[in-house]
Amino acid sequence: MKETVFFDGIIVGEDHSVACTVRATKTTLDLDPDAPPEFSDYDIVDSVATVRLPDGDCEVLLANGYKIRCKLSRGRFLWRV
């Protein structure tokens, strides 16, 4: 089963940090309800974050404990999952 979920997060990079909201796809297996969910298709939905940070490498620290590496280039995040 797939569903869209939202996480609070913090974007950290180039000596800056900015709070953000991240949208992701959560996938669970119907055959094994005890299996941990998988998350994919991350997207920053907080546009203020893209304006405040300079281009460069950064990490997104999510409230669910995940840490995602990415690169900010011209206001767009390129994910390195």
N, C-alpha and C. Protein backbone atom coordinates (compact mmCIF):
# COMPACT_ATOMS: atom_id res chain seq x y z
N MET A 1 0.84 -1.16 0.00
CA MET A 1 0.00 0.00 0.00
C MET A 1 0.90 1.24 0.00
N LYS A 2 0.54 2.25 -0.79
CA LYS A 2 1.31 3.50 -0.85
C LYS A 2 0.43 4.64 -0.34
N GLU A 3 1.07 5.54 0.39
CA GLU A 3 0.37 6.74 0.86
C GLU A 3 1.35 7.90 0.95
N THR A 4 0.84 9.10 0.85
CA THR A 4 1.66 10.30 0.98
C THR A 4 1.71 10.71 2.44
N VAL A 5 2.93 10.98 2.92
CA VAL A 5 3.12 11.40 4.31
C VAL A 5 3.96 12.68 4.33
N PHE A 6 3.89 13.40 5.43
CA PHE A 6 4.65 14.64 5.60
C PHE A 6 5.47 14.55 6.88
N PHE A 7 6.71 15.06 6.80
CA PHE A 7 7.61 15.09 7.95
C PHE A 7 8.11 16.51 8.16
N ASP A 8 8.28 16.88 9.43
CA ASP A 8 9.02 18.10 9.73
C ASP A 8 10.49 17.76 9.62
N GLY A 9 11.28 18.71 9.17
CA GLY A 9 12.71 18.45 9.03
C GLY A 9 13.52 19.71 9.17
N ILE A 10 14.83 19.54 9.11
CA ILE A 10 15.77 20.66 9.15
C ILE A 10 16.77 20.44 8.02
N ILE A 11 16.93 21.43 7.17
CA ILE A 11 17.92 21.38 6.11
C ILE A 11 19.19 22.01 6.67
N VAL A 12 20.30 21.27 6.61
CA VAL A 12 21.58 21.73 7.14
C VAL A 12 22.60 21.72 6.01
N GLY A 13 23.25 22.87 5.80
CA GLY A 13 24.29 22.92 4.77
C GLY A 13 24.92 24.28 4.68
N GLU A 14 26.19 24.28 4.27
CA GLU A 14 26.93 25.53 4.08
C GLU A 14 26.81 26.46 5.29
N ASP A 15 26.95 25.88 6.49
CA ASP A 15 26.89 26.63 7.76
C ASP A 15 25.54 27.31 8.00
N HIS A 16 24.47 26.79 7.43
CA HIS A 16 23.12 27.30 7.64
C HIS A 16 22.21 26.14 8.03
N SER A 17 21.10 26.46 8.67
CA SER A 17 20.06 25.46 8.91
C SER A 17 18.70 26.15 8.82
N VAL A 18 17.75 25.45 8.20
CA VAL A 18 16.42 26.01 7.97
C VAL A 18 15.39 24.91 8.20
N ALA A 19 14.33 25.23 8.92
CA ALA A 19 13.24 24.28 9.11
C ALA A 19 12.50 24.09 7.80
N CYS A 20 11.95 22.88 7.60
CA CYS A 20 11.23 22.61 6.37
C CYS A 20 10.16 21.54 6.61
N THR A 21 9.34 21.34 5.62
CA THR A 21 8.37 20.25 5.58
C THR A 21 8.69 19.41 4.35
N VAL A 22 8.73 18.09 4.54
CA VAL A 22 9.08 17.17 3.46
C VAL A 22 7.90 16.25 3.20
N ARG A 23 7.56 16.11 1.92
CA ARG A 23 6.54 15.16 1.49
C ARG A 23 7.26 13.91 0.97
N ALA A 24 6.75 12.73 1.31
CA ALA A 24 7.36 11.48 0.86
C ALA A 24 6.26 10.45 0.60
N THR A 25 6.63 9.40 -0.10
CA THR A 25 5.73 8.27 -0.32
C THR A 25 6.11 7.16 0.64
N LYS A 26 5.16 6.71 1.42
CA LYS A 26 5.36 5.61 2.37
C LYS A 26 4.77 4.35 1.75
N THR A 27 5.58 3.30 1.65
CA THR A 27 5.12 2.04 1.07
C THR A 27 5.19 0.95 2.13
N THR A 28 4.09 0.26 2.32
CA THR A 28 4.04 -0.89 3.22
C THR A 28 3.62 -2.11 2.42
N LEU A 29 4.11 -3.27 2.83
CA LEU A 29 3.78 -4.51 2.15
C LEU A 29 2.52 -5.12 2.75
N ASP A 30 1.54 -5.38 1.92
CA ASP A 30 0.30 -5.99 2.40
C ASP A 30 0.53 -7.42 2.88
N LEU A 31 1.51 -8.12 2.28
CA LEU A 31 1.77 -9.51 2.63
C LEU A 31 2.46 -9.67 3.98
N ASP A 32 3.17 -8.64 4.43
CA ASP A 32 3.89 -8.72 5.70
C ASP A 32 3.65 -7.43 6.50
N PRO A 33 2.58 -7.41 7.30
CA PRO A 33 2.27 -6.18 8.05
C PRO A 33 3.31 -5.81 9.10
N ASP A 34 4.20 -6.75 9.46
CA ASP A 34 5.25 -6.46 10.45
C ASP A 34 6.51 -5.87 9.81
N ALA A 35 6.59 -5.88 8.49
CA ALA A 35 7.75 -5.32 7.80
C ALA A 35 7.78 -3.81 7.96
N PRO A 36 8.96 -3.23 8.15
CA PRO A 36 9.03 -1.76 8.29
C PRO A 36 8.68 -1.09 6.96
N PRO A 37 8.08 0.09 7.02
CA PRO A 37 7.72 0.79 5.78
C PRO A 37 8.96 1.33 5.08
N GLU A 38 8.85 1.52 3.79
CA GLU A 38 9.89 2.14 2.98
C GLU A 38 9.42 3.53 2.60
N PHE A 39 10.35 4.49 2.55
CA PHE A 39 10.01 5.86 2.16
C PHE A 39 10.78 6.22 0.90
N SER A 40 10.13 6.93 -0.01
CA SER A 40 10.76 7.31 -1.28
C SER A 40 10.11 8.60 -1.79
N ASP A 41 10.58 9.07 -2.94
CA ASP A 41 10.01 10.24 -3.62
C ASP A 41 9.94 11.46 -2.71
N TYR A 42 11.05 11.77 -2.06
CA TYR A 42 11.11 12.92 -1.16
C TYR A 42 10.99 14.23 -1.94
N ASP A 43 10.32 15.21 -1.33
CA ASP A 43 10.20 16.53 -1.95
C ASP A 43 10.02 17.57 -0.86
N ILE A 44 10.80 18.64 -0.92
CA ILE A 44 10.66 19.75 0.02
C ILE A 44 9.43 20.55 -0.42
N VAL A 45 8.48 20.75 0.48
CA VAL A 45 7.28 21.51 0.12
C VAL A 45 7.25 22.89 0.77
N ASP A 46 8.33 23.24 1.46
CA ASP A 46 8.45 24.54 2.10
C ASP A 46 9.35 25.42 1.23
N SER A 47 8.78 26.35 0.49
CA SER A 47 9.54 27.15 -0.46
C SER A 47 10.48 28.16 0.21
N VAL A 48 10.24 28.52 1.46
CA VAL A 48 11.09 29.48 2.16
C VAL A 48 12.51 28.91 2.30
N ALA A 49 12.63 27.61 2.47
CA ALA A 49 13.94 26.99 2.65
C ALA A 49 14.83 27.17 1.44
N THR A 50 14.28 27.11 0.26
CA THR A 50 15.09 27.22 -0.94
C THR A 50 15.62 28.63 -1.16
N VAL A 51 14.97 29.62 -0.62
CA VAL A 51 15.40 31.01 -0.78
C VAL A 51 16.53 31.35 0.19
N ARG A 52 16.51 30.78 1.37
CA ARG A 52 17.47 31.15 2.42
C ARG A 52 18.83 30.48 2.29
N LEU A 53 18.90 29.34 1.63
CA LEU A 53 20.15 28.59 1.60
C LEU A 53 20.93 28.83 0.31
N PRO A 54 22.25 28.88 0.42
CA PRO A 54 23.07 28.99 -0.79
C PRO A 54 23.17 27.62 -1.48
N ASP A 55 23.50 27.63 -2.76
CA ASP A 55 23.70 26.37 -3.48
C ASP A 55 24.84 25.59 -2.84
N GLY A 56 24.72 24.26 -2.85
CA GLY A 56 25.78 23.41 -2.31
C GLY A 56 25.22 22.14 -1.71
N ASP A 57 26.11 21.33 -1.15
CA ASP A 57 25.72 20.08 -0.51
C ASP A 57 25.02 20.36 0.81
N CYS A 58 24.01 19.54 1.11
CA CYS A 58 23.31 19.68 2.38
C CYS A 58 22.70 18.34 2.79
N GLU A 59 22.18 18.30 3.99
CA GLU A 59 21.46 17.14 4.51
C GLU A 59 20.12 17.60 5.02
N VAL A 60 19.14 16.72 4.92
CA VAL A 60 17.83 16.99 5.49
C VAL A 60 17.65 16.00 6.64
N LEU A 61 17.50 16.53 7.85
CA LEU A 61 17.28 15.71 9.04
C LEU A 61 15.78 15.66 9.28
N LEU A 62 15.19 14.47 9.20
CA LEU A 62 13.75 14.32 9.33
C LEU A 62 13.35 13.91 10.73
N ALA A 63 12.12 14.25 11.10
CA ALA A 63 11.61 13.94 12.43
C ALA A 63 11.51 12.44 12.68
N ASN A 64 11.43 11.63 11.61
CA ASN A 64 11.33 10.17 11.79
C ASN A 64 12.70 9.52 11.99
N GLY A 65 13.76 10.33 12.09
CA GLY A 65 15.10 9.82 12.33
C GLY A 65 15.92 9.60 11.08
N TYR A 66 15.35 9.75 9.92
CA TYR A 66 16.08 9.59 8.66
C TYR A 66 16.94 10.82 8.40
N LYS A 67 18.05 10.59 7.71
CA LYS A 67 18.93 11.68 7.27
C LYS A 67 19.15 11.46 5.78
N ILE A 68 18.87 12.49 4.98
CA ILE A 68 18.96 12.38 3.53
C ILE A 68 19.96 13.39 3.01
N ARG A 69 20.90 12.94 2.19
CA ARG A 69 21.87 13.84 1.57
C ARG A 69 21.28 14.38 0.28
N CYS A 70 21.56 15.64 0.00
CA CYS A 70 21.08 16.25 -1.23
C CYS A 70 21.99 17.41 -1.61
N LYS A 71 21.72 17.97 -2.76
CA LYS A 71 22.45 19.14 -3.24
C LYS A 71 21.43 20.17 -3.65
N LEU A 72 21.64 21.40 -3.22
CA LEU A 72 20.77 22.50 -3.63
C LEU A 72 21.43 23.21 -4.79
N SER A 73 20.72 23.29 -5.90
CA SER A 73 21.26 23.91 -7.10
C SER A 73 20.19 24.77 -7.74
N ARG A 74 20.41 26.09 -7.73
CA ARG A 74 19.47 27.05 -8.31
C ARG A 74 18.06 26.91 -7.74
N GLY A 75 17.98 26.70 -6.43
CA GLY A 75 16.68 26.61 -5.77
C GLY A 75 15.99 25.26 -5.87
N ARG A 76 16.67 24.26 -6.41
CA ARG A 76 16.08 22.92 -6.54
C ARG A 76 16.95 21.92 -5.79
N PHE A 77 16.29 20.96 -5.14
CA PHE A 77 17.00 19.92 -4.41
C PHE A 77 17.19 18.70 -5.30
N LEU A 78 18.44 18.21 -5.36
CA LEU A 78 18.78 17.01 -6.09
C LEU A 78 19.11 15.95 -5.05
N TRP A 79 18.29 14.92 -4.96
CA TRP A 79 18.38 13.93 -3.88
C TRP A 79 19.45 12.90 -4.17
N ARG A 80 20.16 12.49 -3.12
CA ARG A 80 21.20 11.45 -3.22
C ARG A 80 20.82 10.34 -2.26
N VAL A 81 19.80 9.62 -2.57
CA VAL A 81 19.29 8.56 -1.67
C VAL A 81 20.00 7.26 -1.94
